[in-house]
Amino acid sequence: MKKEIKINPKVKDVLKLLAAGAILTTVVLFPGIAAIGPLIEEEQRRRERKEWEKFNLRRLRQVVRRLGKQKEVEITDGIVKITNKGSRKVLKYNLDKMELKRKTDGRWRVIVYDIANLKKFQRELFRDTLKRLKFLRLQKSVYITPFVCDDEIEYLRQVFGIGNEVLVLRVAEIENAQVYKRYFGI
């Protein structure tokens, strides 16, 4: 008889499943213990359990406990829920996949930021992300792009918690536009 191999869950996997709405109950974590909170419909419970059962149970418990200590999940009424801190961490996992679409509307986007030293880590990640997305640096905290990037900048504001410290200017004309157009290949 072939034994099914269980996957060791990663923090990323657990948080993504919880963020996507998958319900993790203490019944899955600790079989034999009844859920304290409201009962979940049987069919939904079966689907959710199948989603979680692919993981090594012992490792899943360890990951959930660690996430609980880090305040990234909380256990209430027998259900493990993702917190705002955990949701922010999930958003960070998506940064590597982020790309700027080469869509223009005839305006330049000038990104100006002044992020306090208390948030030095966020400032450096924000700057690195702008560079990776091929924004052109004009000054230390000023970048430009001819491409529509409003959603991407708002996403970065949310992920890094720097909403008030980043300003996006939409300008029709910019000095030395030909040089910048050449840089961006437009």
Protein backbone atom coordinates (compact mmCIF):
# COMPACT_ATOMS: atom_id res chain seq x y z
CA MET A 1 0.00 0.00 0.00
CA LYS A 2 1.43 3.36 -1.06
CA LYS A 3 1.68 6.01 1.67
CA GLU A 4 0.66 9.53 0.64
CA ILE A 5 3.46 12.05 1.10
CA LYS A 6 2.45 15.22 2.93
CA ILE A 7 3.87 18.63 2.09
CA ASN A 8 5.62 20.68 4.75
CA PRO A 9 3.67 23.96 4.74
CA LYS A 10 5.46 27.24 4.30
CA VAL A 11 4.32 30.45 5.97
CA LYS A 12 3.62 31.80 2.50
CA ASP A 13 1.29 28.86 1.68
CA VAL A 14 -0.68 29.13 4.93
CA LEU A 15 -1.11 32.90 4.71
CA LYS A 16 -2.14 32.79 1.04
CA LEU A 17 -4.78 30.13 1.74
CA LEU A 18 -6.15 32.09 4.69
CA ALA A 19 -6.15 35.33 2.68
CA ALA A 20 -8.02 33.58 -0.13
CA GLY A 21 -10.75 32.70 2.35
CA ALA A 22 -9.88 29.09 3.10
CA ILE A 23 -11.07 28.33 6.61
CA LEU A 24 -8.74 26.58 9.00
CA THR A 25 -10.44 25.24 12.09
CA THR A 26 -8.95 23.80 15.22
CA VAL A 27 -10.61 20.51 14.17
CA VAL A 28 -8.05 20.28 11.34
CA LEU A 29 -5.15 21.27 13.60
CA PHE A 30 -6.18 19.14 16.54
CA PRO A 31 -8.31 16.20 15.39
CA GLY A 32 -10.66 14.94 18.07
CA ILE A 33 -11.30 18.39 19.52
CA ALA A 34 -14.66 19.87 18.58
CA ALA A 35 -14.80 23.36 17.09
CA ILE A 36 -15.91 25.82 19.73
CA GLY A 37 -17.33 28.44 17.38
CA PRO A 38 -20.18 28.43 14.89
CA LEU A 39 -20.55 25.28 12.82
CA ILE A 40 -19.50 25.43 9.20
CA GLU A 41 -21.67 23.75 6.60
CA GLU A 42 -20.63 20.13 6.13
CA GLU A 43 -19.80 20.42 2.42
CA GLN A 44 -17.71 23.55 2.91
CA ARG A 45 -15.95 21.93 5.87
CA ARG A 46 -15.09 18.89 3.73
CA ARG A 47 -13.63 21.08 0.94
CA GLU A 48 -11.63 23.17 3.38
CA ARG A 49 -10.28 20.11 5.19
CA LYS A 50 -9.15 18.58 1.88
CA GLU A 51 -7.26 21.81 1.08
CA TRP A 52 -5.40 21.68 4.40
CA GLU A 53 -4.85 17.91 4.55
CA LYS A 54 -2.17 18.03 1.86
CA PHE A 55 0.11 19.49 4.53
CA ASN A 56 2.08 17.67 7.21
CA LEU A 57 -0.14 18.24 10.27
CA ARG A 58 2.70 18.58 12.77
CA ARG A 59 4.44 21.23 10.64
CA LEU A 60 1.14 23.01 9.99
CA ARG A 61 0.56 23.32 13.75
CA GLN A 62 4.07 24.74 14.20
CA VAL A 63 3.58 27.29 11.42
CA VAL A 64 0.17 28.39 12.75
CA ARG A 65 1.52 28.74 16.32
CA ARG A 66 4.45 30.81 15.07
CA LEU A 67 2.13 32.99 12.97
CA GLY A 68 -0.06 33.44 16.04
CA LYS A 69 2.90 34.58 18.14
CA GLN A 70 3.85 37.03 15.36
CA LYS A 71 0.24 38.33 15.35
CA GLU A 72 -0.21 37.38 11.68
CA VAL A 73 -3.11 35.04 12.46
CA GLU A 74 -5.50 34.79 15.37
CA ILE A 75 -7.57 31.91 16.63
CA THR A 76 -11.08 32.90 17.65
CA ASP A 77 -14.04 30.62 18.20
CA GLY A 78 -12.02 27.66 16.94
CA ILE A 79 -11.21 29.28 13.59
CA VAL A 80 -7.81 30.53 12.45
CA LYS A 81 -8.13 33.95 10.77
CA ILE A 82 -5.56 36.11 9.06
CA THR A 83 -4.93 39.53 10.63
CA ASN A 84 -4.15 42.83 8.91
CA LYS A 85 -0.46 42.23 9.58
CA GLY A 86 -0.73 38.80 7.92
CA SER A 87 -2.62 40.27 4.96
CA ARG A 88 0.14 42.82 4.45
CA LYS A 89 2.69 40.01 4.41
CA VAL A 90 0.68 38.19 1.71
CA LEU A 91 0.72 41.34 -0.39
CA LYS A 92 4.52 41.45 -0.14
CA TYR A 93 4.72 37.96 -1.62
CA ASN A 94 3.10 39.37 -4.77
CA LEU A 95 5.71 42.13 -5.24
CA ASP A 96 8.06 39.86 -7.16
CA LYS A 97 5.38 39.23 -9.78
CA MET A 98 4.47 42.91 -10.21
CA GLU A 99 5.13 44.38 -13.65
CA LEU A 100 4.32 47.76 -15.09
CA LYS A 101 2.14 47.61 -18.20
CA ARG A 102 3.49 49.69 -21.08
CA LYS A 103 0.24 51.64 -21.39
CA THR A 104 0.46 55.41 -21.80
CA ASP A 105 -2.14 58.16 -21.69
CA GLY A 106 0.08 61.06 -22.79
CA ARG A 107 0.91 62.12 -19.24
CA TRP A 108 4.02 61.58 -17.19
CA ARG A 109 3.81 60.14 -13.69
CA VAL A 110 6.19 61.84 -11.29
CA ILE A 111 6.54 59.88 -8.03
CA VAL A 112 7.76 61.98 -5.11
CA TYR A 113 8.26 60.47 -1.68
CA ASP A 114 9.51 61.54 1.71
CA ILE A 115 9.51 58.49 3.96
CA ALA A 116 10.71 59.00 7.54
CA ASN A 117 13.84 57.34 8.92
CA LEU A 118 11.63 55.29 11.22
CA LYS A 119 10.45 53.50 8.08
CA LYS A 120 13.89 53.13 6.50
CA PHE A 121 13.25 49.49 5.58
CA GLN A 122 9.98 50.36 3.80
CA ARG A 123 11.65 53.30 2.05
CA GLU A 124 14.44 51.09 0.69
CA LEU A 125 11.99 48.41 -0.47
CA PHE A 126 9.82 51.06 -2.13
CA ARG A 127 12.84 52.53 -3.92
CA ASP A 128 14.09 49.10 -4.99
CA THR A 129 10.66 48.22 -6.34
CA LEU A 130 10.52 51.44 -8.38
CA LYS A 131 13.95 50.63 -9.83
CA ARG A 132 12.92 47.06 -10.62
CA LEU A 133 9.82 48.38 -12.40
CA LYS A 134 12.17 50.56 -14.50
CA PHE A 135 11.10 53.96 -13.22
CA LEU A 136 13.68 56.63 -14.05
CA ARG A 137 15.31 58.32 -11.09
CA LEU A 138 15.44 62.12 -11.43
CA GLN A 139 16.56 62.88 -7.89
CA LYS A 140 17.08 60.93 -4.69
CA SER A 141 13.34 60.55 -4.00
CA VAL A 142 11.83 61.53 -7.35
CA TYR A 143 11.10 59.02 -10.11
CA ILE A 144 9.22 59.30 -13.41
CA THR A 145 7.49 57.04 -15.88
CA PRO A 146 5.31 57.69 -18.93
CA PHE A 147 3.26 54.56 -18.16
CA VAL A 148 0.00 54.43 -16.22
CA CYS A 149 0.95 53.13 -12.77
CA ASP A 150 -1.73 54.41 -10.40
CA ASP A 151 -2.84 50.95 -9.24
CA GLU A 152 0.73 49.75 -8.74
CA ILE A 153 1.71 52.80 -6.67
CA GLU A 154 -1.43 52.47 -4.54
CA TYR A 155 -0.62 48.79 -4.01
CA LEU A 156 2.91 49.71 -2.86
CA ARG A 157 1.49 52.35 -0.52
CA GLN A 158 -0.73 49.73 1.11
CA VAL A 159 1.92 47.03 1.32
CA PHE A 160 4.54 49.29 2.89
CA GLY A 161 2.15 51.42 4.96
CA ILE A 162 3.44 54.66 3.39
CA GLY A 163 0.22 56.14 2.01
CA ASN A 164 0.71 59.74 3.12
CA GLU A 165 4.41 59.86 2.29
CA VAL A 166 4.13 59.16 -1.44
CA LEU A 167 2.77 61.66 -3.93
CA VAL A 168 1.95 60.94 -7.59
CA LEU A 169 1.93 63.91 -9.94
CA ARG A 170 0.37 63.54 -13.39
CA VAL A 171 1.93 66.09 -15.71
CA ALA A 172 1.28 66.80 -19.39
CA GLU A 173 4.73 68.13 -20.19
CA ILE A 174 8.18 67.60 -18.76
CA GLU A 175 11.48 69.22 -19.61
CA ASN A 176 13.83 66.99 -21.68
CA ALA A 177 10.92 64.76 -22.66
CA GLN A 178 12.74 63.41 -25.75
CA VAL A 179 15.61 62.07 -23.63
CA TYR A 180 13.17 60.37 -21.27
CA LYS A 181 11.10 58.97 -24.14
CA ARG A 182 14.25 57.39 -25.55
CA TYR A 183 15.03 55.85 -22.15
CA PHE A 184 11.54 54.31 -21.99
CA GLY A 185 11.57 53.25 -25.63
CA ILE A 186 8.54 55.24 -26.70
